[in-house]
Amino acid sequence: MNASLLERITLNPTICHGKPCIRNLRYPVESILEYLTAGDSVADILEEFEDLEAADIMACLAYATASVKTKSVIV
């Protein structure tokens, strides 16, 4: 996994209630993953949110991957 991608994901208690976000912007990882799950492409997301970069979307996927690799399971 590319560690530099994960550096794009920030946790700040004063932004989005401390949820993981992209580069301290108000774009929660959760929201980007929901867009992708709904069928939006990376290009769709980048067109809608002009201050995001393709690497930000990849960082969300890398964060999700790292999250599911933990030993705990959320049911």
C-alpha atoms as a PDB file:
ATOM      1  CA  MET A   1       0.000   0.000   0.000  1.00  0.00           C
ATOM      2  CA  ASN A   2       1.220   3.472  -0.821  1.00  0.00           C
ATOM      3  CA  ALA A   3       1.822   5.252   2.491  1.00  0.00           C
ATOM      4  CA  SER A   4       1.927   8.650   0.799  1.00  0.00           C
ATOM      5  CA  LEU A   5      -1.712   8.176  -0.213  1.00  0.00           C
ATOM      6  CA  LEU A   6      -2.693   7.645   3.410  1.00  0.00           C
ATOM      7  CA  GLU A   7      -0.992  10.921   4.338  1.00  0.00           C
ATOM      8  CA  ARG A   8      -3.796  12.661   2.428  1.00  0.00           C
ATOM      9  CA  ILE A   9      -6.319  11.353   4.974  1.00  0.00           C
ATOM     10  CA  THR A  10      -6.510  13.517   8.075  1.00  0.00           C
ATOM     11  CA  LEU A  11      -8.249  13.234  11.411  1.00  0.00           C
ATOM     12  CA  ASN A  12      -9.114  16.538  13.025  1.00  0.00           C
ATOM     13  CA  PRO A  13     -11.676  16.794  15.829  1.00  0.00           C
ATOM     14  CA  THR A  14     -12.735  20.248  14.596  1.00  0.00           C
ATOM     15  CA  ILE A  15     -13.480  19.099  11.018  1.00  0.00           C
ATOM     16  CA  CYS A  16     -16.500  16.883  10.268  1.00  0.00           C
ATOM     17  CA  HIS A  17     -16.729  15.768  13.911  1.00  0.00           C
ATOM     18  CA  GLY A  18     -13.337  14.075  13.723  1.00  0.00           C
ATOM     19  CA  LYS A  19     -14.225  11.730  10.869  1.00  0.00           C
ATOM     20  CA  PRO A  20     -11.412  10.852   8.446  1.00  0.00           C
ATOM     21  CA  CYS A  21     -11.307  13.557   5.754  1.00  0.00           C
ATOM     22  CA  ILE A  22      -9.265  14.423   2.711  1.00  0.00           C
ATOM     23  CA  ARG A  23      -6.407  16.889   3.386  1.00  0.00           C
ATOM     24  CA  ASN A  24      -8.237  18.658   6.235  1.00  0.00           C
ATOM     25  CA  LEU A  25     -10.922  19.673   3.758  1.00  0.00           C
ATOM     26  CA  ARG A  26     -14.539  19.008   4.586  1.00  0.00           C
ATOM     27  CA  TYR A  27     -14.735  15.909   2.415  1.00  0.00           C
ATOM     28  CA  PRO A  28     -15.183  12.849   4.626  1.00  0.00           C
ATOM     29  CA  VAL A  29     -13.747   9.606   3.302  1.00  0.00           C
ATOM     30  CA  GLU A  30     -17.147   8.077   3.984  1.00  0.00           C
ATOM     31  CA  SER A  31     -18.858  10.446   1.539  1.00  0.00           C
ATOM     32  CA  ILE A  32     -16.392   9.771  -1.266  1.00  0.00           C
ATOM     33  CA  LEU A  33     -16.799   6.031  -0.773  1.00  0.00           C
ATOM     34  CA  GLU A  34     -20.586   6.457  -0.915  1.00  0.00           C
ATOM     35  CA  TYR A  35     -20.272   8.291  -4.245  1.00  0.00           C
ATOM     36  CA  LEU A  36     -18.137   5.463  -5.630  1.00  0.00           C
ATOM     37  CA  THR A  37     -20.533   2.832  -4.290  1.00  0.00           C
ATOM     38  CA  ALA A  38     -23.441   4.631  -5.954  1.00  0.00           C
ATOM     39  CA  GLY A  39     -21.675   4.293  -9.292  1.00  0.00           C
ATOM     40  CA  ASP A  40     -20.003   7.676  -9.685  1.00  0.00           C
ATOM     41  CA  SER A  41     -16.639   7.494 -11.419  1.00  0.00           C
ATOM     42  CA  VAL A  42     -13.486   9.208 -10.247  1.00  0.00           C
ATOM     43  CA  ALA A  43     -13.980  11.667 -13.111  1.00  0.00           C
ATOM     44  CA  ASP A  44     -17.545  12.387 -11.925  1.00  0.00           C
ATOM     45  CA  ILE A  45     -16.331  13.171  -8.412  1.00  0.00           C
ATOM     46  CA  LEU A  46     -13.467  15.354  -9.635  1.00  0.00           C
ATOM     47  CA  GLU A  47     -15.827  17.293 -11.868  1.00  0.00           C
ATOM     48  CA  GLU A  48     -18.237  17.891  -8.977  1.00  0.00           C
ATOM     49  CA  PHE A  49     -15.552  18.821  -6.419  1.00  0.00           C
ATOM     50  CA  GLU A  50     -12.890  20.815  -8.253  1.00  0.00           C
ATOM     51  CA  ASP A  51     -10.532  21.115  -5.275  1.00  0.00           C
ATOM     52  CA  LEU A  52     -10.065  17.332  -5.112  1.00  0.00           C
ATOM     53  CA  GLU A  53      -7.407  15.395  -6.993  1.00  0.00           C
ATOM     54  CA  ALA A  54      -7.432  11.850  -8.337  1.00  0.00           C
ATOM     55  CA  ALA A  55      -4.925  10.872  -5.645  1.00  0.00           C
ATOM     56  CA  ASP A  56      -7.457  11.977  -3.013  1.00  0.00           C
ATOM     57  CA  ILE A  57      -9.954   9.435  -4.306  1.00  0.00           C
ATOM     58  CA  MET A  58      -7.265   6.739  -4.360  1.00  0.00           C
ATOM     59  CA  ALA A  59      -6.387   7.737  -0.793  1.00  0.00           C
ATOM     60  CA  CYS A  60      -9.993   7.085   0.262  1.00  0.00           C
ATOM     61  CA  LEU A  61      -9.798   3.615  -1.256  1.00  0.00           C
ATOM     62  CA  ALA A  62      -6.438   2.989   0.421  1.00  0.00           C
ATOM     63  CA  TYR A  63      -7.890   4.108   3.763  1.00  0.00           C
ATOM     64  CA  ALA A  64     -10.877   1.790   3.332  1.00  0.00           C
ATOM     65  CA  THR A  65      -8.532  -1.071   2.472  1.00  0.00           C
ATOM     66  CA  ALA A  66      -6.393  -0.411   5.534  1.00  0.00           C
ATOM     67  CA  SER A  67      -9.514  -0.184   7.692  1.00  0.00           C
ATOM     68  CA  VAL A  68     -10.816  -3.607   6.708  1.00  0.00           C
ATOM     69  CA  LYS A  69      -7.418  -5.154   7.343  1.00  0.00           C
ATOM     70  CA  THR A  70      -7.774  -4.532  11.077  1.00  0.00           C
ATOM     71  CA  LYS A  71      -8.501  -7.449  13.372  1.00  0.00           C
ATOM     72  CA  SER A  72     -11.830  -6.085  14.575  1.00  0.00           C
ATOM     73  CA  VAL A  73     -14.970  -6.575  12.567  1.00  0.00           C
ATOM     74  CA  ILE A  74     -17.863  -4.099  12.397  1.00  0.00           C
ATOM     75  CA  VAL A  75     -21.218  -5.820  11.975  1.00  0.00           C
END
